[in-house]
Amino acid sequence: MSKAIKLSDQLIDDAQRYALVNHRSPPKQIEHWASIGKIAEENPDLPLAFVSATLISLEEMKSDQVSEYEFG
């Protein structure tokens, strides 16, 4: 069950701009930021670039866009 949450106008404006660029809805953009923030707090030693790359990799796996790495 979802509950209404009051967000600042500035956050909503920022989310609208980023959402357009990233082809998301503003609520999905805010969810994305919240997800990254949660991961960052739980793993303070990981760089943001690593967190982002990991999330992209997980989505690629879900959509079967991976290939086996061949050594050598």
PDB file of N, CA and C in Angstrom:
ATOM      1  N   MET A   1       0.847  -1.172   0.000  1.00  0.00           N
ATOM      2  CA  MET A   1       0.000   0.000   0.000  1.00  0.00           C
ATOM      3  C   MET A   1       0.895   1.239   0.000  1.00  0.00           C
ATOM      4  N   SER A   2       0.682   2.127  -0.931  1.00  0.00           N
ATOM      5  CA  SER A   2       1.508   3.334  -0.971  1.00  0.00           C
ATOM      6  C   SER A   2       0.849   4.448  -0.167  1.00  0.00           C
ATOM      7  N   LYS A   3       1.688   5.296   0.371  1.00  0.00           N
ATOM      8  CA  LYS A   3       1.218   6.438   1.149  1.00  0.00           C
ATOM      9  C   LYS A   3       1.769   7.698   0.503  1.00  0.00           C
ATOM     10  N   ALA A   4       1.034   8.778   0.593  1.00  0.00           N
ATOM     11  CA  ALA A   4       1.487  10.050   0.037  1.00  0.00           C
ATOM     12  C   ALA A   4       2.643  10.584   0.876  1.00  0.00           C
ATOM     13  N   ILE A   5       3.657  11.066   0.186  1.00  0.00           N
ATOM     14  CA  ILE A   5       4.822  11.638   0.841  1.00  0.00           C
ATOM     15  C   ILE A   5       5.038  13.029   0.258  1.00  0.00           C
ATOM     16  N   LYS A   6       5.252  14.010   1.117  1.00  0.00           N
ATOM     17  CA  LYS A   6       5.495  15.379   0.665  1.00  0.00           C
ATOM     18  C   LYS A   6       6.969  15.529   0.303  1.00  0.00           C
ATOM     19  N   LEU A   7       7.223  15.934  -0.941  1.00  0.00           N
ATOM     20  CA  LEU A   7       8.583  16.170  -1.419  1.00  0.00           C
ATOM     21  C   LEU A   7       8.732  17.641  -1.760  1.00  0.00           C
ATOM     22  N   SER A   8       9.953  18.131  -1.679  1.00  0.00           N
ATOM     23  CA  SER A   8      10.185  19.538  -1.983  1.00  0.00           C
ATOM     24  C   SER A   8       9.957  19.809  -3.470  1.00  0.00           C
ATOM     25  N   ASP A   9       9.550  21.030  -3.764  1.00  0.00           N
ATOM     26  CA  ASP A   9       9.360  21.424  -5.159  1.00  0.00           C
ATOM     27  C   ASP A   9      10.658  21.315  -5.933  1.00  0.00           C
ATOM     28  N   GLN A  10      11.782  21.628  -5.287  1.00  0.00           N
ATOM     29  CA  GLN A  10      13.082  21.555  -5.956  1.00  0.00           C
ATOM     30  C   GLN A  10      13.412  20.125  -6.368  1.00  0.00           C
ATOM     31  N   LEU A  11      13.154  19.153  -5.480  1.00  0.00           N
ATOM     32  CA  LEU A  11      13.418  17.759  -5.814  1.00  0.00           C
ATOM     33  C   LEU A  11      12.549  17.315  -6.978  1.00  0.00           C
ATOM     34  N   ILE A  12      11.297  17.701  -6.965  1.00  0.00           N
ATOM     35  CA  ILE A  12      10.381  17.330  -8.043  1.00  0.00           C
ATOM     36  C   ILE A  12      10.826  17.958  -9.359  1.00  0.00           C
ATOM     37  N   ASP A  13      11.233  19.217  -9.338  1.00  0.00           N
ATOM     38  CA  ASP A  13      11.730  19.880 -10.552  1.00  0.00           C
ATOM     39  C   ASP A  13      12.974  19.183 -11.086  1.00  0.00           C
ATOM     40  N   ASP A  14      13.903  18.865 -10.188  1.00  0.00           N
ATOM     41  CA  ASP A  14      15.114  18.153 -10.605  1.00  0.00           C
ATOM     42  C   ASP A  14      14.761  16.790 -11.200  1.00  0.00           C
ATOM     43  N   ALA A  15      13.860  16.081 -10.554  1.00  0.00           N
ATOM     44  CA  ALA A  15      13.459  14.750 -11.037  1.00  0.00           C
ATOM     45  C   ALA A  15      12.822  14.840 -12.418  1.00  0.00           C
ATOM     46  N   GLN A  16      12.047  15.876 -12.662  1.00  0.00           N
ATOM     47  CA  GLN A  16      11.418  16.026 -13.979  1.00  0.00           C
ATOM     48  C   GLN A  16      12.467  16.210 -15.067  1.00  0.00           C
ATOM     49  N   ARG A  17      13.488  17.014 -14.797  1.00  0.00           N
ATOM     50  CA  ARG A  17      14.548  17.232 -15.789  1.00  0.00           C
ATOM     51  C   ARG A  17      15.337  15.950 -16.046  1.00  0.00           C
ATOM     52  N   TYR A  18      15.772  15.292 -14.972  1.00  0.00           N
ATOM     53  CA  TYR A  18      16.550  14.066 -15.129  1.00  0.00           C
ATOM     54  C   TYR A  18      15.708  12.955 -15.753  1.00  0.00           C
ATOM     55  N   ALA A  19      14.430  12.911 -15.418  1.00  0.00           N
ATOM     56  CA  ALA A  19      13.542  11.880 -15.958  1.00  0.00           C
ATOM     57  C   ALA A  19      13.433  11.987 -17.474  1.00  0.00           C
ATOM     58  N   LEU A  20      13.351  13.202 -17.988  1.00  0.00           N
ATOM     59  CA  LEU A  20      13.278  13.386 -19.440  1.00  0.00           C
ATOM     60  C   LEU A  20      14.514  12.830 -20.125  1.00  0.00           C
ATOM     61  N   VAL A  21      15.669  13.128 -19.568  1.00  0.00           N
ATOM     62  CA  VAL A  21      16.931  12.676 -20.156  1.00  0.00           C
ATOM     63  C   VAL A  21      17.059  11.157 -20.090  1.00  0.00           C
ATOM     64  N   ASN A  22      16.601  10.579 -18.993  1.00  0.00           N
ATOM     65  CA  ASN A  22      16.764   9.137 -18.763  1.00  0.00           C
ATOM     66  C   ASN A  22      15.544   8.312 -19.175  1.00  0.00           C
ATOM     67  N   HIS A  23      14.574   8.943 -19.819  1.00  0.00           N
ATOM     68  CA  HIS A  23      13.373   8.249 -20.305  1.00  0.00           C
ATOM     69  C   HIS A  23      12.638   7.508 -19.184  1.00  0.00           C
ATOM     70  N   ARG A  24      12.477   8.220 -18.068  1.00  0.00           N
ATOM     71  CA  ARG A  24      11.725   7.692 -16.927  1.00  0.00           C
ATOM     72  C   ARG A  24      10.638   8.690 -16.577  1.00  0.00           C
ATOM     73  N   SER A  25       9.691   8.237 -15.777  1.00  0.00           N
ATOM     74  CA  SER A  25       8.735   9.169 -15.197  1.00  0.00           C
ATOM     75  C   SER A  25       9.409   9.835 -13.999  1.00  0.00           C
ATOM     76  N   PRO A  26       8.963  11.017 -13.597  1.00  0.00           N
ATOM     77  CA  PRO A  26       9.559  11.630 -12.399  1.00  0.00           C
ATOM     78  C   PRO A  26       9.507  10.731 -11.155  1.00  0.00           C
ATOM     79  N   PRO A  27       8.397  10.038 -10.883  1.00  0.00           N
ATOM     80  CA  PRO A  27       8.421   9.144  -9.716  1.00  0.00           C
ATOM     81  C   PRO A  27       9.453   8.021  -9.851  1.00  0.00           C
ATOM     82  N   LYS A  28       9.608   7.477 -11.059  1.00  0.00           N
ATOM     83  CA  LYS A  28      10.616   6.422 -11.261  1.00  0.00           C
ATOM     84  C   LYS A  28      12.024   6.980 -11.113  1.00  0.00           C
ATOM     85  N   GLN A  29      12.232   8.249 -11.504  1.00  0.00           N
ATOM     86  CA  GLN A  29      13.545   8.870 -11.321  1.00  0.00           C
ATOM     87  C   GLN A  29      13.866   9.004  -9.838  1.00  0.00           C
ATOM     88  N   ILE A  30      12.884   9.408  -9.059  1.00  0.00           N
ATOM     89  CA  ILE A  30      13.090   9.534  -7.612  1.00  0.00           C
ATOM     90  C   ILE A  30      13.346   8.157  -6.995  1.00  0.00           C
ATOM     91  N   GLU A  31      12.632   7.127  -7.458  1.00  0.00           N
ATOM     92  CA  GLU A  31      12.886   5.767  -6.980  1.00  0.00           C
ATOM     93  C   GLU A  31      14.314   5.339  -7.323  1.00  0.00           C
ATOM     94  N   HIS A  32      14.766   5.685  -8.514  1.00  0.00           N
ATOM     95  CA  HIS A  32      16.135   5.352  -8.937  1.00  0.00           C
ATOM     96  C   HIS A  32      17.142   6.018  -8.002  1.00  0.00           C
ATOM     97  N   TRP A  33      16.969   7.309  -7.746  1.00  0.00           N
ATOM     98  CA  TRP A  33      17.875   8.012  -6.836  1.00  0.00           C
ATOM     99  C   TRP A  33      17.844   7.391  -5.451  1.00  0.00           C
ATOM    100  N   ALA A  34      16.659   7.033  -4.982  1.00  0.00           N
ATOM    101  CA  ALA A  34      16.540   6.430  -3.650  1.00  0.00           C
ATOM    102  C   ALA A  34      17.273   5.083  -3.603  1.00  0.00           C
ATOM    103  N   SER A  35      17.157   4.308  -4.663  1.00  0.00           N
ATOM    104  CA  SER A  35      17.826   3.020  -4.733  1.00  0.00           C
ATOM    105  C   SER A  35      19.339   3.191  -4.670  1.00  0.00           C
ATOM    106  N   ILE A  36      19.876   4.119  -5.461  1.00  0.00           N
ATOM    107  CA  ILE A  36      21.315   4.365  -5.457  1.00  0.00           C
ATOM    108  C   ILE A  36      21.759   4.877  -4.088  1.00  0.00           C
ATOM    109  N   GLY A  37      20.995   5.769  -3.505  1.00  0.00           N
ATOM    110  CA  GLY A  37      21.328   6.298  -2.183  1.00  0.00           C
ATOM    111  C   GLY A  37      21.349   5.219  -1.120  1.00  0.00           C
ATOM    112  N   LYS A  38      20.397   4.311  -1.178  1.00  0.00           N
ATOM    113  CA  LYS A  38      20.334   3.206  -0.213  1.00  0.00           C
ATOM    114  C   LYS A  38      21.554   2.303  -0.367  1.00  0.00           C
ATOM    115  N   ILE A  39      21.881   1.966  -1.609  1.00  0.00           N
ATOM    116  CA  ILE A  39      23.055   1.123  -1.856  1.00  0.00           C
ATOM    117  C   ILE A  39      24.319   1.825  -1.368  1.00  0.00           C
ATOM    118  N   ALA A  40      24.433   3.125  -1.644  1.00  0.00           N
ATOM    119  CA  ALA A  40      25.615   3.881  -1.224  1.00  0.00           C
ATOM    120  C   ALA A  40      25.745   3.912   0.299  1.00  0.00           C
ATOM    121  N   GLU A  41      24.637   4.090   1.001  1.00  0.00           N
ATOM    122  CA  GLU A  41      24.699   4.096   2.470  1.00  0.00           C
ATOM    123  C   GLU A  41      25.069   2.720   3.014  1.00  0.00           C
ATOM    124  N   GLU A  42      24.578   1.662   2.375  1.00  0.00           N
ATOM    125  CA  GLU A  42      24.872   0.307   2.842  1.00  0.00           C
ATOM    126  C   GLU A  42      26.289  -0.127   2.480  1.00  0.00           C
ATOM    127  N   ASN A  43      26.902   0.533   1.486  1.00  0.00           N
ATOM    128  CA  ASN A  43      28.236   0.175   1.007  1.00  0.00           C
ATOM    129  C   ASN A  43      29.085   1.430   0.831  1.00  0.00           C
ATOM    130  N   PRO A  44      29.441   2.097   1.915  1.00  0.00           N
ATOM    131  CA  PRO A  44      30.113   3.397   1.809  1.00  0.00           C
ATOM    132  C   PRO A  44      31.487   3.359   1.141  1.00  0.00           C
ATOM    133  N   ASP A  45      32.095   2.194   1.038  1.00  0.00           N
ATOM    134  CA  ASP A  45      33.414   2.102   0.416  1.00  0.00           C
ATOM    135  C   ASP A  45      33.362   1.942  -1.104  1.00  0.00           C
ATOM    136  N   LEU A  46      32.171   1.726  -1.657  1.00  0.00           N
ATOM    137  CA  LEU A  46      32.060   1.538  -3.102  1.00  0.00           C
ATOM    138  C   LEU A  46      31.896   2.880  -3.809  1.00  0.00           C
ATOM    139  N   PRO A  47      32.635   3.098  -4.893  1.00  0.00           N
ATOM    140  CA  PRO A  47      32.456   4.330  -5.668  1.00  0.00           C
ATOM    141  C   PRO A  47      31.114   4.319  -6.400  1.00  0.00           C
ATOM    142  N   LEU A  48      30.561   5.503  -6.629  1.00  0.00           N
ATOM    143  CA  LEU A  48      29.277   5.622  -7.320  1.00  0.00           C
ATOM    144  C   LEU A  48      29.335   4.968  -8.697  1.00  0.00           C
ATOM    145  N   ALA A  49      30.435   5.130  -9.408  1.00  0.00           N
ATOM    146  CA  ALA A  49      30.562   4.534 -10.742  1.00  0.00           C
ATOM    147  C   ALA A  49      30.426   3.014 -10.674  1.00  0.00           C
ATOM    148  N   PHE A  50      30.970   2.399  -9.629  1.00  0.00           N
ATOM    149  CA  PHE A  50      30.865   0.949  -9.468  1.00  0.00           C
ATOM    150  C   PHE A  50      29.419   0.548  -9.201  1.00  0.00           C
ATOM    151  N   VAL A  51      28.747   1.294  -8.336  1.00  0.00           N
ATOM    152  CA  VAL A  51      27.335   1.013  -8.024  1.00  0.00           C
ATOM    153  C   VAL A  51      26.501   1.113  -9.293  1.00  0.00           C
ATOM    154  N   SER A  52      26.694   2.182 -10.072  1.00  0.00           N
ATOM    155  CA  SER A  52      25.931   2.382 -11.309  1.00  0.00           C
ATOM    156  C   SER A  52      26.202   1.256 -12.311  1.00  0.00           C
ATOM    157  N   ALA A  53      27.477   0.898 -12.483  1.00  0.00           N
ATOM    158  CA  ALA A  53      27.824  -0.174 -13.418  1.00  0.00           C
ATOM    159  C   ALA A  53      27.219  -1.505 -12.987  1.00  0.00           C
ATOM    160  N   THR A  54      27.190  -1.746 -11.695  1.00  0.00           N
ATOM    161  CA  THR A  54      26.599  -2.981 -11.187  1.00  0.00           C
ATOM    162  C   THR A  54      25.102  -3.024 -11.462  1.00  0.00           C
ATOM    163  N   LEU A  55      24.409  -1.906 -11.242  1.00  0.00           N
ATOM    164  CA  LEU A  55      22.969  -1.857 -11.522  1.00  0.00           C
ATOM    165  C   LEU A  55      22.689  -2.078 -13.005  1.00  0.00           C
ATOM    166  N   ILE A  56      23.507  -1.494 -13.865  1.00  0.00           N
ATOM    167  CA  ILE A  56      23.355  -1.700 -15.310  1.00  0.00           C
ATOM    168  C   ILE A  56      23.582  -3.165 -15.656  1.00  0.00           C
ATOM    169  N   SER A  57      24.600  -3.766 -15.078  1.00  0.00           N
ATOM    170  CA  SER A  57      24.887  -5.177 -15.335  1.00  0.00           C
ATOM    171  C   SER A  57      23.734  -6.076 -14.913  1.00  0.00           C
ATOM    172  N   LEU A  58      23.146  -5.782 -13.776  1.00  0.00           N
ATOM    173  CA  LEU A  58      22.001  -6.581 -13.313  1.00  0.00           C
ATOM    174  C   LEU A  58      20.827  -6.480 -14.275  1.00  0.00           C
ATOM    175  N   GLU A  59      20.575  -5.278 -14.796  1.00  0.00           N
ATOM    176  CA  GLU A  59      19.485  -5.107 -15.759  1.00  0.00           C
ATOM    177  C   GLU A  59      19.792  -5.828 -17.068  1.00  0.00           C
ATOM    178  N   GLU A  60      21.063  -5.821 -17.487  1.00  0.00           N
ATOM    179  CA  GLU A  60      21.444  -6.557 -18.692  1.00  0.00           C
ATOM    180  C   GLU A  60      21.221  -8.050 -18.504  1.00  0.00           C
ATOM    181  N   MET A  61      21.517  -8.558 -17.327  1.00  0.00           N
ATOM    182  CA  MET A  61      21.286  -9.982 -17.054  1.00  0.00           C
ATOM    183  C   MET A  61      19.798 -10.308 -17.106  1.00  0.00           C
ATOM    184  N   LYS A  62      18.976  -9.437 -16.537  1.00  0.00           N
ATOM    185  CA  LYS A  62      17.530  -9.667 -16.534  1.00  0.00           C
ATOM    186  C   LYS A  62      16.962  -9.720 -17.945  1.00  0.00           C
ATOM    187  N   SER A  63      17.518  -8.905 -18.840  1.00  0.00           N
ATOM    188  CA  SER A  63      17.000  -8.858 -20.208  1.00  0.00           C
ATOM    189  C   SER A  63      17.807  -9.750 -21.157  1.00  0.00           C
ATOM    190  N   ASP A  64      18.619 -10.628 -20.592  1.00  0.00           N
ATOM    191  CA  ASP A  64      19.390 -11.609 -21.349  1.00  0.00           C
ATOM    192  C   ASP A  64      20.283 -10.956 -22.406  1.00  0.00           C
ATOM    193  N   GLN A  65      20.926  -9.848 -22.031  1.00  0.00           N
ATOM    194  CA  GLN A  65      21.837  -9.143 -22.930  1.00  0.00           C
ATOM    195  C   GLN A  65      23.284  -9.346 -22.483  1.00  0.00           C
ATOM    196  N   VAL A  66      23.624 -10.577 -22.202  1.00  0.00           N
ATOM    197  CA  VAL A  66      24.973 -10.889 -21.732  1.00  0.00           C
ATOM    198  C   VAL A  66      25.576 -11.989 -22.599  1.00  0.00           C
ATOM    199  N   SER A  67      26.879 -12.041 -22.594  1.00  0.00           N
ATOM    200  CA  SER A  67      27.576 -13.124 -23.283  1.00  0.00           C
ATOM    201  C   SER A  67      28.710 -13.589 -22.370  1.00  0.00           C
ATOM    202  N   GLU A  68      29.098 -14.815 -22.542  1.00  0.00           N
ATOM    203  CA  GLU A  68      30.148 -15.394 -21.712  1.00  0.00           C
ATOM    204  C   GLU A  68      31.495 -14.765 -22.079  1.00  0.00           C
ATOM    205  N   TYR A  69      32.256 -14.429 -21.063  1.00  0.00           N
ATOM    206  CA  TYR A  69      33.590 -13.860 -21.275  1.00  0.00           C
ATOM    207  C   TYR A  69      34.556 -14.998 -21.582  1.00  0.00           C
ATOM    208  N   GLU A  70      35.339 -14.812 -22.635  1.00  0.00           N
ATOM    209  CA  GLU A  70      36.330 -15.827 -22.986  1.00  0.00           C
ATOM    210  C   GLU A  70      37.723 -15.289 -22.680  1.00  0.00           C
ATOM    211  N   PHE A  71      38.460 -15.991 -21.864  1.00  0.00           N
ATOM    212  CA  PHE A  71      39.815 -15.604 -21.497  1.00  0.00           C
ATOM    213  C   PHE A  71      40.785 -15.897 -22.644  1.00  0.00           C
ATOM    214  N   GLY A  72      41.826 -15.055 -22.741  1.00  0.00           N
ATOM    215  CA  GLY A  72      42.901 -15.322 -23.701  1.00  0.00           C
ATOM    216  C   GLY A  72      42.656 -14.691 -24.966  1.00  0.00           C
TER     217      GLY A  72
END
